[in-house]
Amino acid sequence: MNDKIDLSTIETLSCKQQVVRAVRFNIDGAYCLTCGADKKIKLWNPYSKLLLKTYGGHANEVLDAAGSCDSSHIISGSADKSVILWDVTTGQPLRRYRGHASSVTCIKYNEESTMAVSGSIDNTVCFWDVISRRQEPVQVLKDAKDTITSVQVTDHEVLTSSVDCHTRLYDLRVGKMLSDYIGHVVTFASLTHDGQCYILSCADSTIKLFDKDSGELLNTFSGHDSKDYMLENAVNEKDSHIISGSASGEVFYWDLVSSTCTQKLVHSNKKPVVSLSHHPTDNYLLTACEDEVKLWGVPKMEE
């Protein structure tokens, strides 16, 4: 069975946000968020290119955002050191959390969206109770020795990556932390959908696949160029392909098992594709390059 289906551009969003720092699908893939250097977050229907709402309240670039599990709230982190909880419908900031001493680089919700987890240039990871009125973090993780580049949250685990060349996996049920030295700056860490492996984008222009339980290196993917960019990675909805942008403006698809590059999408000519987001259950991909976001998918056959 040949799994290869060529993706092509379905829509192009001109975001008018100076530079899009992050693009994120929401929980069911119906909408997406773009985080801008213009200090704003925009909510889109990417399939119809419809801008639904703009959220303004940060005092500096927005570096990451996430939608809650019922899509009623957005949580965002910014270079202004703050985390903001937004009401999706009204567009108003509900709470502003200040606990980081520097830019908030990454943010995620837990599965029930009762807690937000943020990472920062101040080397810490903060847990915020978004249900109560509590203003200070519930917990602060201070294990990293350098900038936190990404956080991923499952029902009981938090995976962090850092410029200190380590990933750290926190098991919240037993209060245990596993630290792995990777040997290179880790710019982004994600988990496969089955939760068994983690995918690490490294500053040496490789992506490494590790078995989560044993810590064994299963595969290495290369061909793209990371230069000095904080490249993100993604896995497709079937856990069959690893995806990454490149400083060259291309998007690479690798077969997870064989590590061969099966497809290259060209978003731009020589401008880096730093942020991307894969649809949770369907074959769609969002890529961000400068001020433009592209939606990739399989063109629908004409009836």
C-alpha atoms as a PDB file:
ATOM      1  CA  MET A   1       0.000   0.000   0.000  1.00  0.00           C
ATOM      2  CA  ASN A   2       1.505   3.265  -1.084  1.00  0.00           C
ATOM      3  CA  ASP A   3       0.808   5.849   1.589  1.00  0.00           C
ATOM      4  CA  LYS A   4       2.232   8.717  -0.442  1.00  0.00           C
ATOM      5  CA  ILE A   5      -0.304  11.354  -1.346  1.00  0.00           C
ATOM      6  CA  ASP A   6       1.055  14.565  -2.751  1.00  0.00           C
ATOM      7  CA  LEU A   7      -0.086  17.587  -0.797  1.00  0.00           C
ATOM      8  CA  SER A   8      -0.610  20.929  -2.440  1.00  0.00           C
ATOM      9  CA  THR A   9      -1.490  24.440  -1.290  1.00  0.00           C
ATOM     10  CA  ILE A  10      -5.212  24.753  -0.625  1.00  0.00           C
ATOM     11  CA  GLU A  11      -5.283  28.269   0.831  1.00  0.00           C
ATOM     12  CA  THR A  12      -2.804  31.051   1.594  1.00  0.00           C
ATOM     13  CA  LEU A  13      -3.467  33.419   4.499  1.00  0.00           C
ATOM     14  CA  SER A  14      -1.865  36.829   4.378  1.00  0.00           C
ATOM     15  CA  CYS A  15      -1.813  37.443   8.131  1.00  0.00           C
ATOM     16  CA  LYS A  16      -0.659  41.082   8.240  1.00  0.00           C
ATOM     17  CA  GLN A  17       1.133  40.443  11.543  1.00  0.00           C
ATOM     18  CA  GLN A  18       4.668  41.486  10.493  1.00  0.00           C
ATOM     19  CA  VAL A  19       6.011  37.986  11.183  1.00  0.00           C
ATOM     20  CA  VAL A  20       3.988  34.967  12.279  1.00  0.00           C
ATOM     21  CA  ARG A  21       5.857  33.492  15.248  1.00  0.00           C
ATOM     22  CA  ALA A  22       3.618  30.431  15.608  1.00  0.00           C
ATOM     23  CA  VAL A  23       0.667  28.812  13.859  1.00  0.00           C
ATOM     24  CA  ARG A  24      -1.526  26.321  15.750  1.00  0.00           C
ATOM     25  CA  PHE A  25      -4.550  24.225  14.845  1.00  0.00           C
ATOM     26  CA  ASN A  26      -7.231  24.113  17.530  1.00  0.00           C
ATOM     27  CA  ILE A  27      -8.280  20.859  19.227  1.00  0.00           C
ATOM     28  CA  ASP A  28     -10.443  19.505  16.380  1.00  0.00           C
ATOM     29  CA  GLY A  29      -8.617  21.182  13.506  1.00  0.00           C
ATOM     30  CA  ALA A  30     -11.559  23.382  12.496  1.00  0.00           C
ATOM     31  CA  TYR A  31      -9.762  26.661  13.267  1.00  0.00           C
ATOM     32  CA  CYS A  32      -6.239  27.930  13.715  1.00  0.00           C
ATOM     33  CA  LEU A  33      -4.395  30.617  15.668  1.00  0.00           C
ATOM     34  CA  THR A  34      -1.564  32.796  14.393  1.00  0.00           C
ATOM     35  CA  CYS A  35       0.759  34.550  16.851  1.00  0.00           C
ATOM     36  CA  GLY A  36       2.323  37.717  15.551  1.00  0.00           C
ATOM     37  CA  ALA A  37       5.275  40.028  15.984  1.00  0.00           C
ATOM     38  CA  ASP A  38       2.547  42.723  15.905  1.00  0.00           C
ATOM     39  CA  LYS A  39       1.651  41.706  19.539  1.00  0.00           C
ATOM     40  CA  LYS A  40      -1.655  40.159  18.405  1.00  0.00           C
ATOM     41  CA  ILE A  41      -3.240  36.731  18.064  1.00  0.00           C
ATOM     42  CA  LYS A  42      -5.590  36.022  15.175  1.00  0.00           C
ATOM     43  CA  LEU A  43      -8.249  33.314  14.989  1.00  0.00           C
ATOM     44  CA  TRP A  44      -8.920  31.948  11.498  1.00  0.00           C
ATOM     45  CA  ASN A  45     -10.971  29.498   9.588  1.00  0.00           C
ATOM     46  CA  PRO A  46      -8.056  28.469   7.354  1.00  0.00           C
ATOM     47  CA  TYR A  47     -10.264  26.547   4.898  1.00  0.00           C
ATOM     48  CA  SER A  48     -12.193  29.662   3.920  1.00  0.00           C
ATOM     49  CA  LYS A  49      -9.392  32.182   4.690  1.00  0.00           C
ATOM     50  CA  LEU A  50     -11.808  33.858   7.101  1.00  0.00           C
ATOM     51  CA  LEU A  51     -10.357  36.003   9.897  1.00  0.00           C
ATOM     52  CA  LEU A  52     -12.769  35.467  12.812  1.00  0.00           C
ATOM     53  CA  LYS A  53     -11.224  37.563  15.568  1.00  0.00           C
ATOM     54  CA  THR A  54      -8.126  39.481  16.619  1.00  0.00           C
ATOM     55  CA  TYR A  55      -6.896  39.429  20.219  1.00  0.00           C
ATOM     56  CA  GLY A  56      -4.808  42.401  21.368  1.00  0.00           C
ATOM     57  CA  GLY A  57      -3.439  42.982  24.863  1.00  0.00           C
ATOM     58  CA  HIS A  58       0.152  41.826  24.909  1.00  0.00           C
ATOM     59  CA  ALA A  59       2.817  44.523  25.062  1.00  0.00           C
ATOM     60  CA  ASN A  60       5.296  42.643  22.876  1.00  0.00           C
ATOM     61  CA  GLU A  61       5.499  39.840  20.291  1.00  0.00           C
ATOM     62  CA  VAL A  62       3.227  36.833  20.885  1.00  0.00           C
ATOM     63  CA  LEU A  63       5.415  33.724  20.712  1.00  0.00           C
ATOM     64  CA  ASP A  64       2.903  30.906  21.248  1.00  0.00           C
ATOM     65  CA  ALA A  65      -0.778  30.237  21.911  1.00  0.00           C
ATOM     66  CA  ALA A  66      -3.126  27.300  22.412  1.00  0.00           C
ATOM     67  CA  GLY A  67      -6.884  26.795  22.298  1.00  0.00           C
ATOM     68  CA  SER A  68      -8.734  25.077  25.142  1.00  0.00           C
ATOM     69  CA  CYS A  69     -10.365  21.651  24.695  1.00  0.00           C
ATOM     70  CA  ASP A  70     -13.840  23.186  24.249  1.00  0.00           C
ATOM     71  CA  SER A  71     -12.465  26.054  22.087  1.00  0.00           C
ATOM     72  CA  SER A  72     -13.922  28.667  24.472  1.00  0.00           C
ATOM     73  CA  HIS A  73     -10.570  30.024  25.685  1.00  0.00           C
ATOM     74  CA  ILE A  74      -7.119  30.792  24.337  1.00  0.00           C
ATOM     75  CA  ILE A  75      -3.931  30.892  26.378  1.00  0.00           C
ATOM     76  CA  SER A  76      -0.958  32.844  25.019  1.00  0.00           C
ATOM     77  CA  GLY A  77       2.635  33.603  25.926  1.00  0.00           C
ATOM     78  CA  SER A  78       4.584  36.664  24.886  1.00  0.00           C
ATOM     79  CA  ALA A  79       7.961  38.390  24.859  1.00  0.00           C
ATOM     80  CA  ASP A  80       6.363  40.797  27.378  1.00  0.00           C
ATOM     81  CA  LYS A  81       6.948  37.981  29.997  1.00  0.00           C
ATOM     82  CA  SER A  82       3.214  37.496  30.555  1.00  0.00           C
ATOM     83  CA  VAL A  83       0.691  34.720  29.941  1.00  0.00           C
ATOM     84  CA  ILE A  84      -2.841  35.813  29.023  1.00  0.00           C
ATOM     85  CA  LEU A  85      -6.080  33.813  29.226  1.00  0.00           C
ATOM     86  CA  TRP A  86      -8.585  35.022  26.597  1.00  0.00           C
ATOM     87  CA  ASP A  87     -12.304  34.627  26.121  1.00  0.00           C
ATOM     88  CA  VAL A  88     -12.632  33.436  22.509  1.00  0.00           C
ATOM     89  CA  THR A  89     -16.079  34.936  21.882  1.00  0.00           C
ATOM     90  CA  THR A  90     -15.662  38.401  23.404  1.00  0.00           C
ATOM     91  CA  GLY A  91     -11.975  38.726  22.513  1.00  0.00           C
ATOM     92  CA  GLN A  92     -11.264  40.061  26.002  1.00  0.00           C
ATOM     93  CA  PRO A  93      -8.313  39.075  28.210  1.00  0.00           C
ATOM     94  CA  LEU A  94      -9.748  37.371  31.316  1.00  0.00           C
ATOM     95  CA  ARG A  95      -6.520  36.980  33.280  1.00  0.00           C
ATOM     96  CA  ARG A  96      -2.933  38.052  32.952  1.00  0.00           C
ATOM     97  CA  TYR A  97      -0.319  35.915  34.675  1.00  0.00           C
ATOM     98  CA  ARG A  98       3.071  37.327  35.544  1.00  0.00           C
ATOM     99  CA  GLY A  99       5.504  34.830  36.992  1.00  0.00           C
ATOM    100  CA  HIS A 100       8.240  34.594  34.387  1.00  0.00           C
ATOM    101  CA  ALA A 101      11.308  36.822  34.493  1.00  0.00           C
ATOM    102  CA  SER A 102      11.712  36.798  30.721  1.00  0.00           C
ATOM    103  CA  SER A 103       9.937  36.042  27.400  1.00  0.00           C
ATOM    104  CA  VAL A 104       7.411  33.202  27.428  1.00  0.00           C
ATOM    105  CA  THR A 105       8.508  31.034  24.495  1.00  0.00           C
ATOM    106  CA  CYS A 106       5.942  28.217  24.581  1.00  0.00           C
ATOM    107  CA  ILE A 107       2.575  27.375  26.133  1.00  0.00           C
ATOM    108  CA  LYS A 108       0.208  24.405  26.237  1.00  0.00           C
ATOM    109  CA  TYR A 109      -2.982  23.333  27.998  1.00  0.00           C
ATOM    110  CA  ASN A 110      -3.384  20.059  29.842  1.00  0.00           C
ATOM    111  CA  GLU A 111      -6.046  17.695  28.449  1.00  0.00           C
ATOM    112  CA  GLU A 112      -8.944  19.108  30.487  1.00  0.00           C
ATOM    113  CA  SER A 113      -7.726  22.691  29.947  1.00  0.00           C
ATOM    114  CA  THR A 114      -7.781  23.270  33.720  1.00  0.00           C
ATOM    115  CA  MET A 115      -4.063  24.032  33.748  1.00  0.00           C
ATOM    116  CA  ALA A 116      -1.728  25.903  31.406  1.00  0.00           C
ATOM    117  CA  VAL A 117       1.980  25.091  31.212  1.00  0.00           C
ATOM    118  CA  SER A 118       4.428  27.750  30.001  1.00  0.00           C
ATOM    119  CA  GLY A 119       8.156  27.727  29.273  1.00  0.00           C
ATOM    120  CA  SER A 120      10.437  30.733  29.211  1.00  0.00           C
ATOM    121  CA  ILE A 121      13.852  32.198  28.402  1.00  0.00           C
ATOM    122  CA  ASP A 122      14.216  32.395  32.227  1.00  0.00           C
ATOM    123  CA  ASN A 123      14.853  28.556  32.160  1.00  0.00           C
ATOM    124  CA  THR A 124      11.645  27.758  34.094  1.00  0.00           C
ATOM    125  CA  VAL A 125       8.365  25.993  33.370  1.00  0.00           C
ATOM    126  CA  CYS A 126       5.292  27.368  35.186  1.00  0.00           C
ATOM    127  CA  PHE A 127       1.939  25.687  35.833  1.00  0.00           C
ATOM    128  CA  TRP A 128      -1.063  28.039  35.937  1.00  0.00           C
ATOM    129  CA  ASP A 129      -4.443  27.133  37.381  1.00  0.00           C
ATOM    130  CA  VAL A 130      -6.746  28.792  34.850  1.00  0.00           C
ATOM    131  CA  ILE A 131      -9.942  27.778  36.662  1.00  0.00           C
ATOM    132  CA  SER A 132      -9.334  29.479  40.017  1.00  0.00           C
ATOM    133  CA  ARG A 133      -8.541  33.142  40.519  1.00  0.00           C
ATOM    134  CA  ARG A 134      -5.027  32.330  41.660  1.00  0.00           C
ATOM    135  CA  GLN A 135      -2.462  34.684  40.106  1.00  0.00           C
ATOM    136  CA  GLU A 136       0.809  32.989  40.953  1.00  0.00           C
ATOM    137  CA  PRO A 137       1.935  29.679  39.413  1.00  0.00           C
ATOM    138  CA  VAL A 138       0.834  26.478  41.148  1.00  0.00           C
ATOM    139  CA  GLN A 139       4.238  24.963  40.474  1.00  0.00           C
ATOM    140  CA  VAL A 140       7.545  26.078  38.944  1.00  0.00           C
ATOM    141  CA  LEU A 141      10.037  23.615  37.441  1.00  0.00           C
ATOM    142  CA  LYS A 142      13.600  24.900  37.673  1.00  0.00           C
ATOM    143  CA  ASP A 143      15.635  21.977  36.342  1.00  0.00           C
ATOM    144  CA  ALA A 144      16.712  23.467  33.003  1.00  0.00           C
ATOM    145  CA  LYS A 145      19.960  25.436  32.771  1.00  0.00           C
ATOM    146  CA  ASP A 146      18.931  27.452  29.703  1.00  0.00           C
ATOM    147  CA  THR A 147      15.912  28.627  27.674  1.00  0.00           C
ATOM    148  CA  ILE A 148      12.901  26.312  27.476  1.00  0.00           C
ATOM    149  CA  THR A 149      12.173  25.910  23.756  1.00  0.00           C
ATOM    150  CA  SER A 150       9.001  23.781  23.884  1.00  0.00           C
ATOM    151  CA  VAL A 151       6.542  22.053  26.207  1.00  0.00           C
ATOM    152  CA  GLN A 152       4.181  19.172  25.458  1.00  0.00           C
ATOM    153  CA  VAL A 153       1.522  18.033  27.901  1.00  0.00           C
ATOM    154  CA  THR A 154      -0.333  14.709  28.062  1.00  0.00           C
ATOM    155  CA  ASP A 155      -2.819  13.500  30.676  1.00  0.00           C
ATOM    156  CA  HIS A 156      -0.044  12.904  33.232  1.00  0.00           C
ATOM    157  CA  GLU A 157       3.248  13.931  31.656  1.00  0.00           C
ATOM    158  CA  VAL A 158       5.067  17.100  30.644  1.00  0.00           C
ATOM    159  CA  LEU A 159       7.892  16.964  28.101  1.00  0.00           C
ATOM    160  CA  THR A 160      10.215  19.973  27.876  1.00  0.00           C
ATOM    161  CA  SER A 161      13.109  20.768  25.556  1.00  0.00           C
ATOM    162  CA  SER A 162      15.845  23.266  26.233  1.00  0.00           C
ATOM    163  CA  VAL A 163      18.835  25.108  24.805  1.00  0.00           C
ATOM    164  CA  ASP A 164      20.863  23.258  27.483  1.00  0.00           C
ATOM    165  CA  CYS A 165      20.757  20.204  25.141  1.00  0.00           C
ATOM    166  CA  HIS A 166      18.420  18.243  27.417  1.00  0.00           C
ATOM    167  CA  THR A 167      14.887  16.998  27.248  1.00  0.00           C
ATOM    168  CA  ARG A 168      13.057  16.426  30.507  1.00  0.00           C
ATOM    169  CA  LEU A 169      10.033  14.215  30.975  1.00  0.00           C
ATOM    170  CA  TYR A 170       8.008  14.857  34.117  1.00  0.00           C
ATOM    171  CA  ASP A 171       5.615  12.181  35.308  1.00  0.00           C
ATOM    172  CA  LEU A 172       3.110  14.174  37.356  1.00  0.00           C
ATOM    173  CA  ARG A 173       1.446  11.106  38.892  1.00  0.00           C
ATOM    174  CA  VAL A 174       4.554   9.905  40.698  1.00  0.00           C
ATOM    175  CA  GLY A 175       6.460  13.206  40.790  1.00  0.00           C
ATOM    176  CA  LYS A 176       9.412  11.848  38.828  1.00  0.00           C
ATOM    177  CA  MET A 177      11.649  13.567  36.261  1.00  0.00           C
ATOM    178  CA  LEU A 178      13.686  11.832  33.556  1.00  0.00           C
ATOM    179  CA  SER A 179      16.391  13.953  31.962  1.00  0.00           C
ATOM    180  CA  ASP A 180      18.080  13.010  28.675  1.00  0.00           C
ATOM    181  CA  TYR A 181      21.229  14.645  27.336  1.00  0.00           C
ATOM    182  CA  ILE A 182      20.855  14.909  23.552  1.00  0.00           C
ATOM    183  CA  GLY A 183      24.196  16.509  22.707  1.00  0.00           C
ATOM    184  CA  HIS A 184      22.733  19.378  20.684  1.00  0.00           C
ATOM    185  CA  VAL A 185      20.414  22.300  21.361  1.00  0.00           C
ATOM    186  CA  VAL A 186      16.861  20.936  21.137  1.00  0.00           C
ATOM    187  CA  THR A 187      14.671  23.539  19.413  1.00  0.00           C
ATOM    188  CA  PHE A 188      11.387  21.598  19.624  1.00  0.00           C
ATOM    189  CA  ALA A 189      10.057  18.368  21.089  1.00  0.00           C
ATOM    190  CA  SER A 190       6.810  16.638  20.211  1.00  0.00           C
ATOM    191  CA  LEU A 191       5.209  13.273  20.941  1.00  0.00           C
ATOM    192  CA  THR A 192       3.810  10.724  18.523  1.00  0.00           C
ATOM    193  CA  HIS A 193       0.030  10.270  18.790  1.00  0.00           C
ATOM    194  CA  ASP A 194       0.446   6.835  20.392  1.00  0.00           C
ATOM    195  CA  GLY A 195       2.576   8.477  23.106  1.00  0.00           C
ATOM    196  CA  GLN A 196       5.424   5.980  22.701  1.00  0.00           C
ATOM    197  CA  CYS A 197       8.083   8.139  21.060  1.00  0.00           C
ATOM    198  CA  TYR A 198       9.300  11.669  21.126  1.00  0.00           C
ATOM    199  CA  ILE A 199      10.524  13.660  18.166  1.00  0.00           C
ATOM    200  CA  LEU A 200      13.296  16.177  18.767  1.00  0.00           C
ATOM    201  CA  SER A 201      14.349  18.945  16.390  1.00  0.00           C
ATOM    202  CA  CYS A 202      18.029  19.647  16.998  1.00  0.00           C
ATOM    203  CA  ALA A 203      20.210  22.605  16.068  1.00  0.00           C
ATOM    204  CA  ASP A 204      22.585  20.353  14.082  1.00  0.00           C
ATOM    205  CA  SER A 205      19.937  20.107  11.306  1.00  0.00           C
ATOM    206  CA  THR A 206      18.696  16.690  12.406  1.00  0.00           C
ATOM    207  CA  ILE A 207      15.484  15.381  13.894  1.00  0.00           C
ATOM    208  CA  LYS A 208      15.835  12.486  16.304  1.00  0.00           C
ATOM    209  CA  LEU A 209      13.199   9.903  17.211  1.00  0.00           C
ATOM    210  CA  PHE A 210      13.508   8.418  20.708  1.00  0.00           C
ATOM    211  CA  ASP A 211      11.640   5.645  22.440  1.00  0.00           C
ATOM    212  CA  LYS A 212      10.010   7.403  25.393  1.00  0.00           C
ATOM    213  CA  ASP A 213      10.312   4.542  27.874  1.00  0.00           C
ATOM    214  CA  SER A 214      13.769   3.171  27.079  1.00  0.00           C
ATOM    215  CA  GLY A 215      15.376   6.430  25.918  1.00  0.00           C
ATOM    216  CA  GLU A 216      16.768   4.575  22.896  1.00  0.00           C
ATOM    217  CA  LEU A 217      17.467   6.522  19.689  1.00  0.00           C
ATOM    218  CA  LEU A 218      15.272   4.866  17.058  1.00  0.00           C
ATOM    219  CA  ASN A 219      15.902   7.016  13.997  1.00  0.00           C
ATOM    220  CA  THR A 220      17.514  10.216  12.689  1.00  0.00           C
ATOM    221  CA  PHE A 221      16.026  12.388   9.943  1.00  0.00           C
ATOM    222  CA  SER A 222      18.074  14.872   7.944  1.00  0.00           C
ATOM    223  CA  GLY A 223      18.213  16.846   4.707  1.00  0.00           C
ATOM    224  CA  HIS A 224      16.694  20.071   5.967  1.00  0.00           C
ATOM    225  CA  ASP A 225      18.729  23.058   7.162  1.00  0.00           C
ATOM    226  CA  SER A 226      18.030  24.552  10.574  1.00  0.00           C
ATOM    227  CA  LYS A 227      20.749  27.277  10.580  1.00  0.00           C
ATOM    228  CA  ASP A 228      20.071  29.314  13.749  1.00  0.00           C
ATOM    229  CA  TYR A 229      16.295  28.996  13.609  1.00  0.00           C
ATOM    230  CA  MET A 230      14.139  27.409  16.283  1.00  0.00           C
ATOM    231  CA  LEU A 231      12.509  24.955  13.889  1.00  0.00           C
ATOM    232  CA  GLU A 232       9.419  23.009  14.955  1.00  0.00           C
ATOM    233  CA  ASN A 233       8.415  19.496  13.946  1.00  0.00           C
ATOM    234  CA  ALA A 234       5.134  17.632  13.665  1.00  0.00           C
ATOM    235  CA  VAL A 235       3.884  14.120  13.065  1.00  0.00           C
ATOM    236  CA  ASN A 236       1.040  13.393  10.681  1.00  0.00           C
ATOM    237  CA  GLU A 237      -2.327  12.052  11.841  1.00  0.00           C
ATOM    238  CA  LYS A 238      -1.341   8.403  11.205  1.00  0.00           C
ATOM    239  CA  ASP A 239       2.042   8.551  12.997  1.00  0.00           C
ATOM    240  CA  SER A 240       3.585   7.484   9.671  1.00  0.00           C
ATOM    241  CA  HIS A 241       5.534  10.640   8.763  1.00  0.00           C
ATOM    242  CA  ILE A 242       7.702  13.205  10.534  1.00  0.00           C
ATOM    243  CA  ILE A 243       7.399  16.768   9.245  1.00  0.00           C
ATOM    244  CA  SER A 244       9.682  19.775   9.596  1.00  0.00           C
ATOM    245  CA  GLY A 245      10.249  23.161   8.056  1.00  0.00           C
ATOM    246  CA  SER A 246      13.658  24.305   6.921  1.00  0.00           C
ATOM    247  CA  ALA A 247      15.696  27.503   6.636  1.00  0.00           C
ATOM    248  CA  SER A 248      15.518  26.919   2.862  1.00  0.00           C
ATOM    249  CA  GLY A 249      11.756  27.576   2.726  1.00  0.00           C
ATOM    250  CA  GLU A 250      10.911  23.917   2.187  1.00  0.00           C
ATOM    251  CA  VAL A 251       8.843  21.521   4.286  1.00  0.00           C
ATOM    252  CA  PHE A 252      10.167  17.976   4.552  1.00  0.00           C
ATOM    253  CA  TYR A 253       8.154  14.782   5.020  1.00  0.00           C
ATOM    254  CA  TRP A 254      10.079  11.702   6.173  1.00  0.00           C
ATOM    255  CA  ASP A 255       8.828   8.156   6.541  1.00  0.00           C
ATOM    256  CA  LEU A 256       8.921   7.473  10.294  1.00  0.00           C
ATOM    257  CA  VAL A 257      10.206   3.897   9.907  1.00  0.00           C
ATOM    258  CA  SER A 258      12.637   4.152   6.978  1.00  0.00           C
ATOM    259  CA  SER A 259      13.644   7.823   7.567  1.00  0.00           C
ATOM    260  CA  THR A 260      13.616   8.461   3.807  1.00  0.00           C
ATOM    261  CA  CYS A 261      12.320  11.826   2.627  1.00  0.00           C
ATOM    262  CA  THR A 262       9.057  11.095   0.801  1.00  0.00           C
ATOM    263  CA  GLN A 263       7.988  14.627  -0.049  1.00  0.00           C
ATOM    264  CA  LYS A 264       9.196  18.219  -0.085  1.00  0.00           C
ATOM    265  CA  LEU A 265       6.742  21.103  -0.120  1.00  0.00           C
ATOM    266  CA  VAL A 266       8.070  24.475  -1.193  1.00  0.00           C
ATOM    267  CA  HIS A 267       6.493  27.238   0.896  1.00  0.00           C
ATOM    268  CA  SER A 268       8.897  29.973  -0.065  1.00  0.00           C
ATOM    269  CA  ASN A 269      12.103  30.703  -1.864  1.00  0.00           C
ATOM    270  CA  LYS A 270      14.892  30.839   0.736  1.00  0.00           C
ATOM    271  CA  LYS A 271      12.788  32.228   3.589  1.00  0.00           C
ATOM    272  CA  PRO A 272      12.619  29.980   6.658  1.00  0.00           C
ATOM    273  CA  VAL A 273       9.558  27.921   7.548  1.00  0.00           C
ATOM    274  CA  VAL A 274       9.878  27.956  11.333  1.00  0.00           C
ATOM    275  CA  SER A 275       6.407  27.100  12.656  1.00  0.00           C
ATOM    276  CA  LEU A 276       4.001  24.424  11.496  1.00  0.00           C
ATOM    277  CA  SER A 277       0.963  22.572  12.792  1.00  0.00           C
ATOM    278  CA  HIS A 278      -0.596  19.320  11.609  1.00  0.00           C
ATOM    279  CA  HIS A 279      -4.343  18.670  11.744  1.00  0.00           C
ATOM    280  CA  PRO A 280      -5.097  16.287  14.663  1.00  0.00           C
ATOM    281  CA  THR A 281      -7.093  13.729  12.654  1.00  0.00           C
ATOM    282  CA  ASP A 282      -6.928  14.662   8.969  1.00  0.00           C
ATOM    283  CA  ASN A 283      -4.308  15.133   6.260  1.00  0.00           C
ATOM    284  CA  TYR A 284      -3.884  18.915   6.513  1.00  0.00           C
ATOM    285  CA  LEU A 285      -0.792  20.920   7.394  1.00  0.00           C
ATOM    286  CA  LEU A 286      -0.334  24.607   8.259  1.00  0.00           C
ATOM    287  CA  THR A 287       3.058  26.214   7.647  1.00  0.00           C
ATOM    288  CA  ALA A 288       4.136  29.737   8.578  1.00  0.00           C
ATOM    289  CA  CYS A 289       6.771  31.727   6.714  1.00  0.00           C
ATOM    290  CA  GLU A 290       7.286  35.406   7.539  1.00  0.00           C
ATOM    291  CA  ASP A 291       3.797  36.968   7.292  1.00  0.00           C
ATOM    292  CA  GLU A 292       2.159  34.152   5.363  1.00  0.00           C
ATOM    293  CA  VAL A 293       0.469  30.923   6.412  1.00  0.00           C
ATOM    294  CA  LYS A 294      -0.257  28.152   3.933  1.00  0.00           C
ATOM    295  CA  LEU A 295      -2.806  25.373   4.341  1.00  0.00           C
ATOM    296  CA  TRP A 296      -1.683  22.177   2.601  1.00  0.00           C
ATOM    297  CA  GLY A 297      -3.899  19.221   1.852  1.00  0.00           C
ATOM    298  CA  VAL A 298      -5.032  16.751  -0.746  1.00  0.00           C
ATOM    299  CA  PRO A 299      -7.033  18.560  -3.408  1.00  0.00           C
ATOM    300  CA  LYS A 300     -10.638  17.344  -3.449  1.00  0.00           C
ATOM    301  CA  MET A 301     -11.579  15.527  -6.631  1.00  0.00           C
ATOM    302  CA  GLU A 302     -14.098  17.352  -8.772  1.00  0.00           C
ATOM    303  CA  GLU A 303     -17.420  15.550  -8.702  1.00  0.00           C
END
